[in-house]
Amino acid sequence: MTITEIKKQALKALKGQWGVAAALTLIIFIINSVLPTIFEVMLSGGWENWFLADQLPIQAEIVSMIITLLIMPLAVTTLWFFLSLVRYEGPQLFDVFAIFTDGKRFFKLIGTSIVMGIFIALWTLLLLIPGIIKSISYSQTYFLMKDHPEYTVLEAITESKKRMKGYKWKYFLLNLSFIGWGILCLLTLGIGFLWLSPYIQASTATFYNELILSQEHNQEPVQVLEDQNWEE
């Protein structure tokens, strides 16, 4: 499947769902950007203190970090929403927030995000390019955890690496193909991202559903591999 076909299929899945997708994008943006700030302001003694302070009080920084960790799974369940969308499963907005009712999976997603962040950061310390390559290699981890909740964190990361062999360049070009739309969205003071973000996420979900998932029946059991070669 070509990049053009992936994007066309994503647009087809979004037909009639743009309002819901844009609303979800706005809600997640508000939660991610506004919620930590509100707690920082409260613990700083008000907007003036927060705005003028050279450094936030230590308790404000700690609480902000905790809030950021607690809302981290929403980024994953948003990806799952779009995966359900491209599968025509009729996802609902509340599906994204249902993760808060599943404690085990909730903390597992937080752990996955932390582990992936550490791995990518360590590779980036070597050079920027290895870090980018690794982030692309790990890009299917969350989708795999949706379809295979039995996977451990390392199993999901390893499986993503395995399935992305031969697809990393296509995935990179797929994301790069949205750069023109991104520039146009900047001219709308960011409002256009309410529609561009769903387009991108539906496209990456289609990438997984059509290219990565197709390897499902032709693979060996997952074995956790050492992260030794970023070219793999």
Protein backbone atom coordinates (compact mmCIF):
# COMPACT_ATOMS: atom_id res chain seq x y z
CA MET A 1 0.00 0.00 0.00
CA THR A 2 1.41 3.38 -1.01
CA ILE A 3 1.47 6.49 1.18
CA THR A 4 -1.19 8.08 -1.02
CA GLU A 5 -3.44 5.05 -0.56
CA ILE A 6 -2.90 5.10 3.21
CA LYS A 7 -3.94 8.75 3.40
CA LYS A 8 -6.96 8.23 1.14
CA GLN A 9 -8.13 5.35 3.32
CA ALA A 10 -7.67 7.50 6.43
CA LEU A 11 -9.76 10.28 4.90
CA LYS A 12 -12.44 7.76 4.00
CA ALA A 13 -12.59 6.56 7.62
CA LEU A 14 -12.83 10.15 8.86
CA LYS A 15 -15.78 10.95 6.61
CA GLY A 16 -18.68 11.94 8.84
CA GLN A 17 -16.41 11.77 11.92
CA TRP A 18 -14.49 15.03 11.58
CA GLY A 19 -16.48 16.79 14.31
CA VAL A 20 -15.85 14.06 16.88
CA ALA A 21 -12.18 13.79 15.89
CA ALA A 22 -11.64 17.57 16.14
CA ALA A 23 -13.46 17.69 19.48
CA LEU A 24 -11.25 14.91 20.85
CA THR A 25 -8.13 16.73 19.65
CA LEU A 26 -9.25 19.91 21.40
CA ILE A 27 -10.13 18.10 24.64
CA ILE A 28 -6.80 16.29 24.80
CA PHE A 29 -4.92 19.52 24.01
CA ILE A 30 -6.71 21.34 26.84
CA ILE A 31 -6.05 18.52 29.29
CA ASN A 32 -2.36 18.25 28.38
CA SER A 33 -1.62 21.97 28.32
CA VAL A 34 -4.07 23.57 30.74
CA LEU A 35 -4.43 21.06 33.58
CA PRO A 36 -0.75 21.03 34.68
CA THR A 37 -0.64 24.83 34.39
CA ILE A 38 -3.70 25.25 36.65
CA PHE A 39 -2.03 23.24 39.40
CA GLU A 40 1.22 25.17 38.95
CA VAL A 41 -0.64 28.48 39.33
CA MET A 42 -2.53 27.27 42.41
CA LEU A 43 0.65 26.11 44.14
CA SER A 44 2.54 29.25 43.11
CA GLY A 45 0.07 31.53 44.86
CA GLY A 46 -1.75 32.94 41.85
CA TRP A 47 -1.27 33.97 38.25
CA GLU A 48 1.02 36.92 39.03
CA ASN A 49 3.44 34.85 41.09
CA TRP A 50 3.38 32.07 38.49
CA PHE A 51 4.04 34.47 35.62
CA LEU A 52 6.79 36.48 37.29
CA ALA A 53 8.57 33.66 39.11
CA ASP A 54 12.00 32.72 37.79
CA GLN A 55 11.52 29.24 39.19
CA LEU A 56 8.40 27.40 40.30
CA PRO A 57 8.10 26.21 43.91
CA ILE A 58 9.35 22.66 44.25
CA GLN A 59 5.88 21.42 45.21
CA ALA A 60 4.41 22.96 42.06
CA GLU A 61 7.04 21.24 39.89
CA ILE A 62 6.42 17.88 41.60
CA VAL A 63 2.63 18.10 41.27
CA SER A 64 2.92 19.23 37.64
CA MET A 65 5.15 16.24 36.88
CA ILE A 66 2.71 13.85 38.59
CA ILE A 67 -0.24 15.29 36.64
CA THR A 68 1.72 14.94 33.41
CA LEU A 69 2.40 11.27 34.18
CA LEU A 70 -1.23 10.59 35.09
CA ILE A 71 -2.59 12.02 31.83
CA MET A 72 0.09 10.35 29.71
CA PRO A 73 -2.11 7.29 28.90
CA LEU A 74 -4.63 9.57 27.18
CA ALA A 75 -2.18 10.05 24.30
CA VAL A 76 -2.18 6.27 23.84
CA THR A 77 -5.93 5.79 24.09
CA THR A 78 -6.34 8.59 21.56
CA LEU A 79 -4.26 6.49 19.16
CA TRP A 80 -6.52 3.54 19.96
CA PHE A 81 -9.58 5.69 19.21
CA PHE A 82 -8.28 6.35 15.70
CA LEU A 83 -7.36 2.70 15.23
CA SER A 84 -10.98 1.79 16.03
CA LEU A 85 -12.09 4.55 13.68
CA VAL A 86 -10.17 3.20 10.69
CA ARG A 87 -11.55 -0.25 11.54
CA TYR A 88 -15.09 1.22 11.42
CA GLU A 89 -15.81 0.03 14.95
CA GLY A 90 -17.72 3.19 15.87
CA PRO A 91 -15.53 4.47 18.74
CA GLN A 92 -16.98 6.99 21.21
CA LEU A 93 -15.24 9.85 22.99
CA PHE A 94 -15.67 8.23 26.41
CA ASP A 95 -13.66 5.22 25.15
CA VAL A 96 -10.54 7.39 25.38
CA PHE A 97 -11.12 8.02 29.10
CA ALA A 98 -12.14 4.46 29.99
CA ILE A 99 -8.45 3.75 30.66
CA PHE A 100 -8.89 5.39 34.08
CA THR A 101 -11.16 2.51 35.09
CA ASP A 102 -8.51 -0.12 34.30
CA GLY A 103 -5.77 0.40 36.86
CA LYS A 104 -3.47 -2.37 35.64
CA ARG A 105 -3.48 -1.22 32.03
CA PHE A 106 -3.31 2.44 33.08
CA PHE A 107 -0.03 2.01 34.94
CA LYS A 108 1.29 -0.32 32.27
CA LEU A 109 0.89 2.45 29.66
CA ILE A 110 2.66 4.92 31.93
CA GLY A 111 5.50 2.44 32.36
CA THR A 112 5.68 1.87 28.62
CA SER A 113 5.90 5.59 27.92
CA ILE A 114 8.68 5.99 30.47
CA VAL A 115 10.69 3.02 29.18
CA MET A 116 10.36 4.14 25.56
CA GLY A 117 11.33 7.69 26.54
CA ILE A 118 14.46 6.44 28.29
CA PHE A 119 15.46 4.21 25.35
CA ILE A 120 14.99 7.01 22.81
CA ALA A 121 16.80 9.52 25.02
CA LEU A 122 19.79 7.19 25.40
CA TRP A 123 20.02 6.66 21.65
CA THR A 124 19.66 10.40 21.07
CA LEU A 125 22.64 10.99 23.37
CA LEU A 126 24.75 9.18 20.77
CA LEU A 127 23.45 11.22 17.84
CA LEU A 128 20.13 12.72 16.79
CA ILE A 129 19.65 10.36 13.84
CA PRO A 130 19.83 7.13 15.89
CA GLY A 131 17.25 8.62 18.25
CA ILE A 132 14.89 9.37 15.37
CA ILE A 133 15.36 5.89 13.90
CA LYS A 134 14.62 4.27 17.25
CA SER A 135 11.52 6.36 17.78
CA ILE A 136 10.27 5.15 14.40
CA SER A 137 11.16 1.55 15.29
CA TYR A 138 9.13 1.82 18.50
CA SER A 139 6.22 3.64 16.83
CA GLN A 140 3.92 0.60 16.66
CA THR A 141 4.32 -0.33 20.33
CA TYR A 142 1.07 1.22 21.55
CA PHE A 143 -0.98 -0.20 18.68
CA LEU A 144 0.42 -3.65 19.42
CA MET A 145 -0.48 -3.27 23.08
CA LYS A 146 -4.05 -2.54 22.02
CA ASP A 147 -4.30 -5.78 20.03
CA HIS A 148 -2.08 -7.76 22.41
CA PRO A 149 -2.72 -6.65 26.00
CA GLU A 150 -0.86 -9.76 27.13
CA TYR A 151 2.45 -8.34 25.89
CA THR A 152 4.85 -7.02 28.48
CA VAL A 153 6.36 -3.60 27.91
CA LEU A 154 9.59 -5.02 26.47
CA GLU A 155 7.75 -7.59 24.36
CA ALA A 156 5.63 -4.86 22.74
CA ILE A 157 8.69 -2.69 22.05
CA THR A 158 10.61 -5.65 20.64
CA GLU A 159 7.69 -6.67 18.44
CA SER A 160 7.40 -3.12 17.11
CA LYS A 161 11.10 -3.17 16.20
CA LYS A 162 10.67 -6.49 14.44
CA ARG A 163 7.62 -5.51 12.42
CA MET A 164 9.02 -2.11 11.40
CA LYS A 165 11.95 -3.69 9.57
CA GLY A 166 11.58 -2.58 5.97
CA TYR A 167 8.87 -0.03 6.86
CA LYS A 168 10.78 2.67 8.73
CA TRP A 169 11.45 4.79 5.64
CA LYS A 170 7.81 4.61 4.51
CA TYR A 171 6.64 5.61 8.00
CA PHE A 172 9.06 8.54 8.00
CA LEU A 173 7.86 9.70 4.58
CA LEU A 174 4.23 9.31 5.64
CA ASN A 175 4.74 11.71 8.53
CA LEU A 176 6.88 14.01 6.40
CA SER A 177 4.07 14.28 3.84
CA PHE A 178 2.04 16.35 6.32
CA ILE A 179 4.63 19.11 6.68
CA GLY A 180 2.94 21.34 4.10
CA TRP A 181 -0.38 21.07 5.91
CA GLY A 182 1.42 21.86 9.16
CA ILE A 183 2.78 25.09 7.74
CA LEU A 184 -0.70 26.09 6.56
CA CYS A 185 -2.10 25.33 10.01
CA LEU A 186 0.38 27.76 11.54
CA LEU A 187 -1.15 30.47 9.37
CA THR A 188 -4.53 29.75 11.02
CA LEU A 189 -3.00 30.44 14.47
CA GLY A 190 -3.03 26.71 15.14
CA ILE A 191 -6.77 26.20 14.67
CA GLY A 192 -6.15 24.03 11.61
CA PHE A 193 -4.39 21.46 13.78
CA LEU A 194 -7.81 20.44 15.12
CA TRP A 195 -8.32 18.78 11.74
CA LEU A 196 -4.74 18.02 10.76
CA SER A 197 -4.01 16.04 13.92
CA PRO A 198 -6.91 13.59 13.33
CA TYR A 199 -5.79 13.23 9.71
CA ILE A 200 -2.27 12.32 10.82
CA GLN A 201 -3.40 9.95 13.55
CA ALA A 202 -5.92 8.22 11.28
CA SER A 203 -3.15 7.79 8.70
CA THR A 204 -0.69 6.29 11.19
CA ALA A 205 -3.45 4.00 12.46
CA THR A 206 -4.13 2.93 8.87
CA PHE A 207 -0.38 2.32 8.40
CA TYR A 208 -0.48 -0.09 11.34
CA ASN A 209 -3.76 -1.72 10.37
CA GLU A 210 -2.83 -2.32 6.73
CA LEU A 211 0.94 -2.90 6.79
CA ILE A 212 2.05 -3.88 10.29
CA LEU A 213 -0.93 -6.02 11.27
CA SER A 214 -0.61 -7.98 8.02
CA GLN A 215 2.47 -9.68 9.50
CA GLU A 216 0.33 -11.12 12.32
CA HIS A 217 0.02 -14.63 10.87
CA ASN A 218 3.57 -14.96 9.58
CA GLN A 219 5.66 -14.40 12.65
CA GLU A 220 7.50 -16.31 15.32
CA PRO A 221 6.58 -15.95 19.01
CA VAL A 222 7.74 -12.71 20.56
CA GLN A 223 11.14 -12.87 22.22
CA VAL A 224 12.60 -9.88 24.01
CA LEU A 225 15.74 -8.84 22.16
CA GLU A 226 18.59 -6.67 23.34
CA ASP A 227 18.49 -3.16 21.90
CA GLN A 228 21.92 -3.32 20.27
CA ASN A 229 21.69 -2.15 16.65
CA TRP A 230 19.66 0.93 15.71
CA GLU A 231 19.78 -0.09 12.06
CA GLU A 232 17.72 -3.21 12.75
